[in-house]
Amino acid sequence: IYLVPPSILIILCLFKVIAWKAQYIIPIGGILIGQVMN
């Protein structure tokens, strides 16, 4: 859980899909964490 979601968020930021801002990281991070948790 601590490896997968943050890694994907960093990749998305590097690909310039999103920026490391609350309006993107929190909702998308929540979706990712929920997926990995389930």
PDB file of all heavy atoms in Angstrom:
ATOM      1  N   ILE A   1       0.824  -1.216   0.000  1.00  0.00           N
ATOM      2  CA  ILE A   1       0.000   0.000   0.000  1.00  0.00           C
ATOM      3  C   ILE A   1       0.857   1.263   0.000  1.00  0.00           C
ATOM      4  O   ILE A   1       0.512   2.264  -0.650  1.00  0.00           O
ATOM      5  CB  ILE A   1      -0.970  -0.015   1.197  1.00  0.00           C
ATOM      6  CG1 ILE A   1      -2.042  -1.098   0.989  1.00  0.00           C
ATOM      7  CG2 ILE A   1      -1.639   1.352   1.381  1.00  0.00           C
ATOM      8  CD1 ILE A   1      -3.039  -1.240   2.122  1.00  0.00           C
ATOM      9  N   TYR A   2       1.982   1.239   0.711  1.00  0.00           N
ATOM     10  CA  TYR A   2       2.845   2.421   0.735  1.00  0.00           C
ATOM     11  C   TYR A   2       3.737   2.526  -0.504  1.00  0.00           C
ATOM     12  O   TYR A   2       4.306   3.580  -0.762  1.00  0.00           O
ATOM     13  CB  TYR A   2       3.715   2.423   1.994  1.00  0.00           C
ATOM     14  CG  TYR A   2       3.049   3.053   3.189  1.00  0.00           C
ATOM     15  CD1 TYR A   2       2.476   2.279   4.187  1.00  0.00           C
ATOM     16  CD2 TYR A   2       2.976   4.437   3.313  1.00  0.00           C
ATOM     17  CE1 TYR A   2       1.850   2.858   5.288  1.00  0.00           C
ATOM     18  CE2 TYR A   2       2.358   5.031   4.402  1.00  0.00           C
ATOM     19  CZ  TYR A   2       1.800   4.232   5.378  1.00  0.00           C
ATOM     20  OH  TYR A   2       1.166   4.827   6.464  1.00  0.00           O
ATOM     21  N   LEU A   3       3.841   1.421  -1.274  1.00  0.00           N
ATOM     22  CA  LEU A   3       4.677   1.435  -2.473  1.00  0.00           C
ATOM     23  C   LEU A   3       3.894   1.769  -3.734  1.00  0.00           C
ATOM     24  O   LEU A   3       4.287   2.651  -4.511  1.00  0.00           O
ATOM     25  CB  LEU A   3       5.361   0.075  -2.639  1.00  0.00           C
ATOM     26  CG  LEU A   3       6.107  -0.161  -3.959  1.00  0.00           C
ATOM     27  CD1 LEU A   3       7.329   0.780  -4.050  1.00  0.00           C
ATOM     28  CD2 LEU A   3       6.543  -1.612  -4.095  1.00  0.00           C
ATOM     29  N   VAL A   4       2.772   1.065  -3.943  1.00  0.00           N
ATOM     30  CA  VAL A   4       2.093   1.129  -5.247  1.00  0.00           C
ATOM     31  C   VAL A   4       1.423   2.478  -5.526  1.00  0.00           C
ATOM     32  O   VAL A   4       1.763   3.132  -6.525  1.00  0.00           O
ATOM     33  CB  VAL A   4       1.086  -0.037  -5.387  1.00  0.00           C
ATOM     34  CG1 VAL A   4       0.324   0.072  -6.705  1.00  0.00           C
ATOM     35  CG2 VAL A   4       1.810  -1.376  -5.307  1.00  0.00           C
ATOM     36  N   PRO A   5       0.461   2.963  -4.696  1.00  0.00           N
ATOM     37  CA  PRO A   5      -0.208   4.227  -5.032  1.00  0.00           C
ATOM     38  C   PRO A   5       0.744   5.426  -5.168  1.00  0.00           C
ATOM     39  O   PRO A   5       0.647   6.160  -6.173  1.00  0.00           O
ATOM     40  CB  PRO A   5      -1.201   4.424  -3.878  1.00  0.00           C
ATOM     41  CG  PRO A   5      -1.459   3.042  -3.368  1.00  0.00           C
ATOM     42  CD  PRO A   5      -0.153   2.344  -3.502  1.00  0.00           C
ATOM     43  N   PRO A   6       1.669   5.649  -4.204  1.00  0.00           N
ATOM     44  CA  PRO A   6       2.577   6.793  -4.375  1.00  0.00           C
ATOM     45  C   PRO A   6       3.439   6.681  -5.627  1.00  0.00           C
ATOM     46  O   PRO A   6       3.703   7.691  -6.300  1.00  0.00           O
ATOM     47  CB  PRO A   6       3.448   6.742  -3.109  1.00  0.00           C
ATOM     48  CG  PRO A   6       2.608   6.045  -2.092  1.00  0.00           C
ATOM     49  CD  PRO A   6       1.866   5.014  -2.879  1.00  0.00           C
ATOM     50  N   SER A   7       3.876   5.452  -5.971  1.00  0.00           N
ATOM     51  CA  SER A   7       4.696   5.267  -7.176  1.00  0.00           C
ATOM     52  C   SER A   7       3.925   5.672  -8.425  1.00  0.00           C
ATOM     53  O   SER A   7       4.466   6.349  -9.315  1.00  0.00           O
ATOM     54  CB  SER A   7       5.137   3.803  -7.297  1.00  0.00           C
ATOM     55  OG  SER A   7       5.924   3.425  -6.198  1.00  0.00           O
ATOM     56  N   ILE A   8       2.660   5.268  -8.503  1.00  0.00           N
ATOM     57  CA  ILE A   8       1.848   5.609  -9.673  1.00  0.00           C
ATOM     58  C   ILE A   8       1.596   7.111  -9.736  1.00  0.00           C
ATOM     59  O   ILE A   8       1.636   7.709 -10.821  1.00  0.00           O
ATOM     60  CB  ILE A   8       0.517   4.823  -9.639  1.00  0.00           C
ATOM     61  CG1 ILE A   8       0.793   3.326  -9.760  1.00  0.00           C
ATOM     62  CG2 ILE A   8      -0.410   5.276 -10.768  1.00  0.00           C
ATOM     63  CD1 ILE A   8      -0.428   2.453  -9.588  1.00  0.00           C
ATOM     64  N   LEU A   9       1.350   7.739  -8.591  1.00  0.00           N
ATOM     65  CA  LEU A   9       1.137   9.189  -8.568  1.00  0.00           C
ATOM     66  C   LEU A   9       2.384   9.933  -9.042  1.00  0.00           C
ATOM     67  O   LEU A   9       2.286  10.910  -9.786  1.00  0.00           O
ATOM     68  CB  LEU A   9       0.764   9.634  -7.153  1.00  0.00           C
ATOM     69  CG  LEU A   9      -0.641   9.243  -6.683  1.00  0.00           C
ATOM     70  CD1 LEU A   9      -0.815   9.568  -5.201  1.00  0.00           C
ATOM     71  CD2 LEU A   9      -1.713   9.940  -7.498  1.00  0.00           C
ATOM     72  N   ILE A  10       3.547   9.449  -8.615  1.00  0.00           N
ATOM     73  CA  ILE A  10       4.807  10.072  -9.053  1.00  0.00           C
ATOM     74  C   ILE A  10       4.980   9.917 -10.562  1.00  0.00           C
ATOM     75  O   ILE A  10       5.395  10.862 -11.263  1.00  0.00           O
ATOM     76  CB  ILE A  10       6.001   9.450  -8.298  1.00  0.00           C
ATOM     77  CG1 ILE A  10       5.963   9.881  -6.826  1.00  0.00           C
ATOM     78  CG2 ILE A  10       7.333   9.870  -8.927  1.00  0.00           C
ATOM     79  CD1 ILE A  10       6.938   9.150  -5.933  1.00  0.00           C
ATOM     80  N   ILE A  11       4.652   8.727 -11.081  1.00  0.00           N
ATOM     81  CA  ILE A  11       4.736   8.491 -12.530  1.00  0.00           C
ATOM     82  C   ILE A  11       3.805   9.434 -13.289  1.00  0.00           C
ATOM     83  O   ILE A  11       4.196  10.035 -14.303  1.00  0.00           O
ATOM     84  CB  ILE A  11       4.393   7.023 -12.859  1.00  0.00           C
ATOM     85  CG1 ILE A  11       5.501   6.098 -12.349  1.00  0.00           C
ATOM     86  CG2 ILE A  11       4.197   6.827 -14.365  1.00  0.00           C
ATOM     87  CD1 ILE A  11       5.152   4.626 -12.419  1.00  0.00           C
ATOM     88  N   LEU A  12       2.582   9.588 -12.800  1.00  0.00           N
ATOM     89  CA  LEU A  12       1.622  10.490 -13.450  1.00  0.00           C
ATOM     90  C   LEU A  12       2.130  11.932 -13.448  1.00  0.00           C
ATOM     91  O   LEU A  12       1.929  12.666 -14.420  1.00  0.00           O
ATOM     92  CB  LEU A  12       0.268  10.410 -12.749  1.00  0.00           C
ATOM     93  CG  LEU A  12      -0.513   9.093 -12.901  1.00  0.00           C
ATOM     94  CD1 LEU A  12      -1.788   9.135 -12.072  1.00  0.00           C
ATOM     95  CD2 LEU A  12      -0.848   8.824 -14.369  1.00  0.00           C
ATOM     96  N   CYS A  13       2.781  12.320 -12.354  1.00  0.00           N
ATOM     97  CA  CYS A  13       3.344  13.679 -12.281  1.00  0.00           C
ATOM     98  C   CYS A  13       4.511  13.831 -13.259  1.00  0.00           C
ATOM     99  O   CYS A  13       4.639  14.864 -13.928  1.00  0.00           O
ATOM    100  CB  CYS A  13       3.810  13.985 -10.860  1.00  0.00           C
ATOM    101  SG  CYS A  13       2.464  14.216  -9.675  1.00  0.00           S
ATOM    102  N   LEU A  14       5.345  12.799 -13.359  1.00  0.00           N
ATOM    103  CA  LEU A  14       6.482  12.849 -14.288  1.00  0.00           C
ATOM    104  C   LEU A  14       6.007  12.893 -15.741  1.00  0.00           C
ATOM    105  O   LEU A  14       6.635  13.536 -16.590  1.00  0.00           O
ATOM    106  CB  LEU A  14       7.383  11.628 -14.078  1.00  0.00           C
ATOM    107  CG  LEU A  14       8.180  11.599 -12.763  1.00  0.00           C
ATOM    108  CD1 LEU A  14       8.934  10.274 -12.625  1.00  0.00           C
ATOM    109  CD2 LEU A  14       9.166  12.760 -12.689  1.00  0.00           C
ATOM    110  N   PHE A  15       4.902  12.202 -16.032  1.00  0.00           N
ATOM    111  CA  PHE A  15       4.327  12.218 -17.387  1.00  0.00           C
ATOM    112  C   PHE A  15       3.517  13.485 -17.651  1.00  0.00           C
ATOM    113  O   PHE A  15       2.954  13.650 -18.730  1.00  0.00           O
ATOM    114  CB  PHE A  15       3.419  10.995 -17.592  1.00  0.00           C
ATOM    115  CG  PHE A  15       4.158   9.689 -17.704  1.00  0.00           C
ATOM    116  CD1 PHE A  15       3.462   8.496 -17.723  1.00  0.00           C
ATOM    117  CD2 PHE A  15       5.537   9.655 -17.786  1.00  0.00           C
ATOM    118  CE1 PHE A  15       4.126   7.281 -17.825  1.00  0.00           C
ATOM    119  CE2 PHE A  15       6.221   8.446 -17.885  1.00  0.00           C
ATOM    120  CZ  PHE A  15       5.517   7.254 -17.902  1.00  0.00           C
ATOM    121  N   LYS A  16       3.422  14.353 -16.633  1.00  0.00           N
ATOM    122  CA  LYS A  16       2.687  15.620 -16.713  1.00  0.00           C
ATOM    123  C   LYS A  16       1.192  15.418 -16.968  1.00  0.00           C
ATOM    124  O   LYS A  16       0.537  16.237 -17.616  1.00  0.00           O
ATOM    125  CB  LYS A  16       3.300  16.525 -17.789  1.00  0.00           C
ATOM    126  CG  LYS A  16       4.729  16.950 -17.470  1.00  0.00           C
ATOM    127  CD  LYS A  16       5.281  17.915 -18.506  1.00  0.00           C
ATOM    128  CE  LYS A  16       6.698  18.351 -18.133  1.00  0.00           C
ATOM    129  NZ  LYS A  16       7.272  19.288 -19.113  1.00  0.00           N
ATOM    130  N   VAL A  17       0.689  14.295 -16.467  1.00  0.00           N
ATOM    131  CA  VAL A  17      -0.752  14.060 -16.529  1.00  0.00           C
ATOM    132  C   VAL A  17      -1.447  14.886 -15.460  1.00  0.00           C
ATOM    133  O   VAL A  17      -2.510  15.464 -15.681  1.00  0.00           O
ATOM    134  CB  VAL A  17      -1.066  12.553 -16.344  1.00  0.00           C
ATOM    135  CG1 VAL A  17      -2.577  12.320 -16.308  1.00  0.00           C
ATOM    136  CG2 VAL A  17      -0.421  11.739 -17.459  1.00  0.00           C
ATOM    137  N   ILE A  18      -0.840  14.913 -14.260  1.00  0.00           N
ATOM    138  CA  ILE A  18      -1.350  15.704 -13.147  1.00  0.00           C
ATOM    139  C   ILE A  18      -0.197  16.450 -12.500  1.00  0.00           C
ATOM    140  O   ILE A  18       0.974  16.177 -12.788  1.00  0.00           O
ATOM    141  CB  ILE A  18      -2.055  14.823 -12.077  1.00  0.00           C
ATOM    142  CG1 ILE A  18      -1.070  13.789 -11.512  1.00  0.00           C
ATOM    143  CG2 ILE A  18      -3.283  14.163 -12.645  1.00  0.00           C
ATOM    144  CD1 ILE A  18      -1.611  13.009 -10.329  1.00  0.00           C
ATOM    145  N   ALA A  19      -0.528  17.408 -11.641  1.00  0.00           N
ATOM    146  CA  ALA A  19       0.479  18.106 -10.841  1.00  0.00           C
ATOM    147  C   ALA A  19       0.325  17.665  -9.392  1.00  0.00           C
ATOM    148  O   ALA A  19      -0.742  17.197  -8.989  1.00  0.00           O
ATOM    149  CB  ALA A  19       0.287  19.620 -10.956  1.00  0.00           C
ATOM    150  N   TRP A  20       1.403  17.796  -8.609  1.00  0.00           N
ATOM    151  CA  TRP A  20       1.352  17.392  -7.198  1.00  0.00           C
ATOM    152  C   TRP A  20       0.629  18.476  -6.396  1.00  0.00           C
ATOM    153  O   TRP A  20       1.205  19.194  -5.611  1.00  0.00           O
ATOM    154  CB  TRP A  20       2.752  17.142  -6.655  1.00  0.00           C
ATOM    155  CG  TRP A  20       2.734  16.350  -5.365  1.00  0.00           C
ATOM    156  CD1 TRP A  20       2.621  16.838  -4.115  1.00  0.00           C
ATOM    157  CD2 TRP A  20       2.813  14.932  -5.232  1.00  0.00           C
ATOM    158  NE1 TRP A  20       2.618  15.824  -3.196  1.00  0.00           N
ATOM    159  CE2 TRP A  20       2.739  14.630  -3.850  1.00  0.00           C
ATOM    160  CE3 TRP A  20       2.943  13.866  -6.136  1.00  0.00           C
ATOM    161  CZ2 TRP A  20       2.795  13.320  -3.361  1.00  0.00           C
ATOM    162  CZ3 TRP A  20       3.008  12.578  -5.649  1.00  0.00           C
ATOM    163  CH2 TRP A  20       2.934  12.321  -4.273  1.00  0.00           C
ATOM    164  N   LYS A  21      -0.665  18.555  -6.639  1.00  0.00           N
ATOM    165  CA  LYS A  21      -1.518  19.511  -5.938  1.00  0.00           C
ATOM    166  C   LYS A  21      -2.684  18.768  -5.315  1.00  0.00           C
ATOM    167  O   LYS A  21      -3.096  17.708  -5.789  1.00  0.00           O
ATOM    168  CB  LYS A  21      -2.027  20.591  -6.913  1.00  0.00           C
ATOM    169  CG  LYS A  21      -0.924  21.494  -7.442  1.00  0.00           C
ATOM    170  CD  LYS A  21      -1.502  22.613  -8.296  1.00  0.00           C
ATOM    171  CE  LYS A  21      -0.419  23.570  -8.754  1.00  0.00           C
ATOM    172  NZ  LYS A  21      -0.967  24.687  -9.543  1.00  0.00           N
ATOM    173  N   ALA A  22      -3.233  19.365  -4.272  1.00  0.00           N
ATOM    174  CA  ALA A  22      -4.287  18.699  -3.499  1.00  0.00           C
ATOM    175  C   ALA A  22      -5.475  18.295  -4.363  1.00  0.00           C
ATOM    176  O   ALA A  22      -6.020  17.199  -4.202  1.00  0.00           O
ATOM    177  CB  ALA A  22      -4.754  19.614  -2.366  1.00  0.00           C
ATOM    178  N   GLN A  23      -5.891  19.148  -5.298  1.00  0.00           N
ATOM    179  CA  GLN A  23      -7.089  18.874  -6.086  1.00  0.00           C
ATOM    180  C   GLN A  23      -6.933  17.651  -6.980  1.00  0.00           C
ATOM    181  O   GLN A  23      -7.922  17.076  -7.433  1.00  0.00           O
ATOM    182  CB  GLN A  23      -7.464  20.096  -6.928  1.00  0.00           C
ATOM    183  CG  GLN A  23      -6.488  20.419  -8.048  1.00  0.00           C
ATOM    184  CD  GLN A  23      -6.871  21.673  -8.782  1.00  0.00           C
ATOM    185  OE1 GLN A  23      -6.285  22.731  -8.550  1.00  0.00           O
ATOM    186  NE2 GLN A  23      -7.850  21.559  -9.661  1.00  0.00           N
ATOM    187  N   TYR A  24      -5.679  17.233  -7.254  1.00  0.00           N
ATOM    188  CA  TYR A  24      -5.437  16.038  -8.052  1.00  0.00           C
ATOM    189  C   TYR A  24      -4.997  14.853  -7.189  1.00  0.00           C
ATOM    190  O   TYR A  24      -5.507  13.739  -7.333  1.00  0.00           O
ATOM    191  CB  TYR A  24      -4.358  16.316  -9.113  1.00  0.00           C
ATOM    192  CG  TYR A  24      -4.677  17.470 -10.022  1.00  0.00           C
ATOM    193  CD1 TYR A  24      -3.897  18.625  -9.996  1.00  0.00           C
ATOM    194  CD2 TYR A  24      -5.743  17.428 -10.914  1.00  0.00           C
ATOM    195  CE1 TYR A  24      -4.182  19.701 -10.824  1.00  0.00           C
ATOM    196  CE2 TYR A  24      -6.042  18.486 -11.745  1.00  0.00           C
ATOM    197  CZ  TYR A  24      -5.249  19.631 -11.695  1.00  0.00           C
ATOM    198  OH  TYR A  24      -5.534  20.683 -12.510  1.00  0.00           O
ATOM    199  N   ILE A  25      -4.023  15.091  -6.319  1.00  0.00           N
ATOM    200  CA  ILE A  25      -3.399  14.005  -5.567  1.00  0.00           C
ATOM    201  C   ILE A  25      -4.366  13.340  -4.592  1.00  0.00           C
ATOM    202  O   ILE A  25      -4.394  12.110  -4.486  1.00  0.00           O
ATOM    203  CB  ILE A  25      -2.158  14.516  -4.802  1.00  0.00           C
ATOM    204  CG1 ILE A  25      -1.094  15.002  -5.800  1.00  0.00           C
ATOM    205  CG2 ILE A  25      -1.583  13.434  -3.894  1.00  0.00           C
ATOM    206  CD1 ILE A  25      -0.612  13.929  -6.756  1.00  0.00           C
ATOM    207  N   ILE A  26      -5.168  14.134  -3.887  1.00  0.00           N
ATOM    208  CA  ILE A  26      -6.056  13.556  -2.865  1.00  0.00           C
ATOM    209  C   ILE A  26      -7.137  12.660  -3.488  1.00  0.00           C
ATOM    210  O   ILE A  26      -7.276  11.491  -3.104  1.00  0.00           O
ATOM    211  CB  ILE A  26      -6.678  14.658  -1.985  1.00  0.00           C
ATOM    212  CG1 ILE A  26      -5.570  15.440  -1.259  1.00  0.00           C
ATOM    213  CG2 ILE A  26      -7.645  14.044  -0.981  1.00  0.00           C
ATOM    214  CD1 ILE A  26      -4.621  14.590  -0.445  1.00  0.00           C
ATOM    215  N   PRO A  27      -7.919  13.147  -4.465  1.00  0.00           N
ATOM    216  CA  PRO A  27      -8.952  12.251  -5.038  1.00  0.00           C
ATOM    217  C   PRO A  27      -8.375  11.073  -5.812  1.00  0.00           C
ATOM    218  O   PRO A  27      -8.840   9.941  -5.662  1.00  0.00           O
ATOM    219  CB  PRO A  27      -9.774  13.177  -5.943  1.00  0.00           C
ATOM    220  CG  PRO A  27      -8.917  14.360  -6.197  1.00  0.00           C
ATOM    221  CD  PRO A  27      -8.026  14.516  -5.012  1.00  0.00           C
ATOM    222  N   ILE A  28      -7.346  11.326  -6.630  1.00  0.00           N
ATOM    223  CA  ILE A  28      -6.767  10.236  -7.412  1.00  0.00           C
ATOM    224  C   ILE A  28      -6.020   9.265  -6.493  1.00  0.00           C
ATOM    225  O   ILE A  28      -6.095   8.041  -6.666  1.00  0.00           O
ATOM    226  CB  ILE A  28      -5.833  10.789  -8.513  1.00  0.00           C
ATOM    227  CG1 ILE A  28      -6.661  11.575  -9.539  1.00  0.00           C
ATOM    228  CG2 ILE A  28      -5.073   9.659  -9.206  1.00  0.00           C
ATOM    229  CD1 ILE A  28      -5.844  12.234 -10.624  1.00  0.00           C
ATOM    230  N   GLY A  29      -5.317   9.814  -5.499  1.00  0.00           N
ATOM    231  CA  GLY A  29      -4.640   8.963  -4.522  1.00  0.00           C
ATOM    232  C   GLY A  29      -5.630   8.099  -3.770  1.00  0.00           C
ATOM    233  O   GLY A  29      -5.381   6.916  -3.514  1.00  0.00           O
ATOM    234  N   GLY A  30      -6.779   8.664  -3.418  1.00  0.00           N
ATOM    235  CA  GLY A  30      -7.816   7.901  -2.730  1.00  0.00           C
ATOM    236  C   GLY A  30      -8.339   6.757  -3.574  1.00  0.00           C
ATOM    237  O   GLY A  30      -8.567   5.645  -3.068  1.00  0.00           O
ATOM    238  N   ILE A  31      -8.531   7.011  -4.871  1.00  0.00           N
ATOM    239  CA  ILE A  31      -8.990   5.959  -5.786  1.00  0.00           C
ATOM    240  C   ILE A  31      -7.959   4.832  -5.853  1.00  0.00           C
ATOM    241  O   ILE A  31      -8.300   3.642  -5.786  1.00  0.00           O
ATOM    242  CB  ILE A  31      -9.246   6.540  -7.191  1.00  0.00           C
ATOM    243  CG1 ILE A  31     -10.428   7.512  -7.163  1.00  0.00           C
ATOM    244  CG2 ILE A  31      -9.508   5.433  -8.206  1.00  0.00           C
ATOM    245  CD1 ILE A  31     -10.609   8.297  -8.453  1.00  0.00           C
ATOM    246  N   LEU A  32      -6.693   5.219  -5.983  1.00  0.00           N
ATOM    247  CA  LEU A  32      -5.624   4.223  -6.080  1.00  0.00           C
ATOM    248  C   LEU A  32      -5.482   3.401  -4.801  1.00  0.00           C
ATOM    249  O   LEU A  32      -5.358   2.176  -4.845  1.00  0.00           O
ATOM    250  CB  LEU A  32      -4.295   4.927  -6.387  1.00  0.00           C
ATOM    251  CG  LEU A  32      -4.070   5.357  -7.831  1.00  0.00           C
ATOM    252  CD1 LEU A  32      -2.840   6.247  -7.926  1.00  0.00           C
ATOM    253  CD2 LEU A  32      -3.905   4.141  -8.727  1.00  0.00           C
ATOM    254  N   ILE A  33      -5.491   4.085  -3.674  1.00  0.00           N
ATOM    255  CA  ILE A  33      -5.346   3.394  -2.385  1.00  0.00           C
ATOM    256  C   ILE A  33      -6.508   2.428  -2.172  1.00  0.00           C
ATOM    257  O   ILE A  33      -6.319   1.299  -1.711  1.00  0.00           O
ATOM    258  CB  ILE A  33      -5.242   4.406  -1.231  1.00  0.00           C
ATOM    259  CG1 ILE A  33      -3.940   5.213  -1.349  1.00  0.00           C
ATOM    260  CG2 ILE A  33      -5.286   3.706   0.133  1.00  0.00           C
ATOM    261  CD1 ILE A  33      -3.877   6.425  -0.447  1.00  0.00           C
ATOM    262  N   GLY A  34      -7.712   2.870  -2.516  1.00  0.00           N
ATOM    263  CA  GLY A  34      -8.874   1.996  -2.396  1.00  0.00           C
ATOM    264  C   GLY A  34      -8.756   0.767  -3.274  1.00  0.00           C
ATOM    265  O   GLY A  34      -9.093  -0.350  -2.854  1.00  0.00           O
ATOM    266  N   GLN A  35      -8.267   0.960  -4.508  1.00  0.00           N
ATOM    267  CA  GLN A  35      -8.088  -0.169  -5.432  1.00  0.00           C
ATOM    268  C   GLN A  35      -7.078  -1.166  -4.878  1.00  0.00           C
ATOM    269  O   GLN A  35      -7.322  -2.377  -4.875  1.00  0.00           O
ATOM    270  CB  GLN A  35      -7.612   0.351  -6.798  1.00  0.00           C
ATOM    271  CG  GLN A  35      -7.108  -0.713  -7.747  1.00  0.00           C
ATOM    272  CD  GLN A  35      -8.202  -1.516  -8.390  1.00  0.00           C
ATOM    273  OE1 GLN A  35      -9.381  -1.254  -8.165  1.00  0.00           O
ATOM    274  NE2 GLN A  35      -7.844  -2.519  -9.173  1.00  0.00           N
ATOM    275  N   VAL A  36      -5.946  -0.666  -4.407  1.00  0.00           N
ATOM    276  CA  VAL A  36      -4.890  -1.537  -3.892  1.00  0.00           C
ATOM    277  C   VAL A  36      -5.350  -2.237  -2.606  1.00  0.00           C
ATOM    278  O   VAL A  36      -5.088  -3.430  -2.409  1.00  0.00           O
ATOM    279  CB  VAL A  36      -3.594  -0.738  -3.652  1.00  0.00           C
ATOM    280  CG1 VAL A  36      -2.548  -1.586  -2.952  1.00  0.00           C
ATOM    281  CG2 VAL A  36      -3.053  -0.217  -4.973  1.00  0.00           C
ATOM    282  N   MET A  37      -6.040  -1.508  -1.747  1.00  0.00           N
ATOM    283  CA  MET A  37      -6.552  -2.078  -0.501  1.00  0.00           C
ATOM    284  C   MET A  37      -7.506  -3.235  -0.791  1.00  0.00           C
ATOM    285  O   MET A  37      -7.381  -4.325  -0.210  1.00  0.00           O
ATOM    286  CB  MET A  37      -7.256  -0.992   0.312  1.00  0.00           C
ATOM    287  CG  MET A  37      -7.833  -1.466   1.635  1.00  0.00           C
ATOM    288  SD  MET A  37      -8.641  -0.128   2.558  1.00  0.00           S
ATOM    289  CE  MET A  37     -10.108   0.111   1.544  1.00  0.00           C
ATOM    290  N   ASN A  38      -8.459  -3.021  -1.697  1.00  0.00           N
ATOM    291  CA  ASN A  38      -9.401  -4.081  -2.050  1.00  0.00           C
ATOM    292  C   ASN A  38      -8.698  -5.257  -2.702  1.00  0.00           C
ATOM    293  O   ASN A  38      -9.031  -6.423  -2.433  1.00  0.00           O
ATOM    294  CB  ASN A  38     -10.481  -3.534  -2.992  1.00  0.00           C
ATOM    295  CG  ASN A  38     -11.425  -2.576  -2.304  1.00  0.00           C
ATOM    296  OD1 ASN A  38     -11.624  -2.645  -1.097  1.00  0.00           O
ATOM    297  ND2 ASN A  38     -12.010  -1.668  -3.062  1.00  0.00           N
TER     298      ASN A  38
END
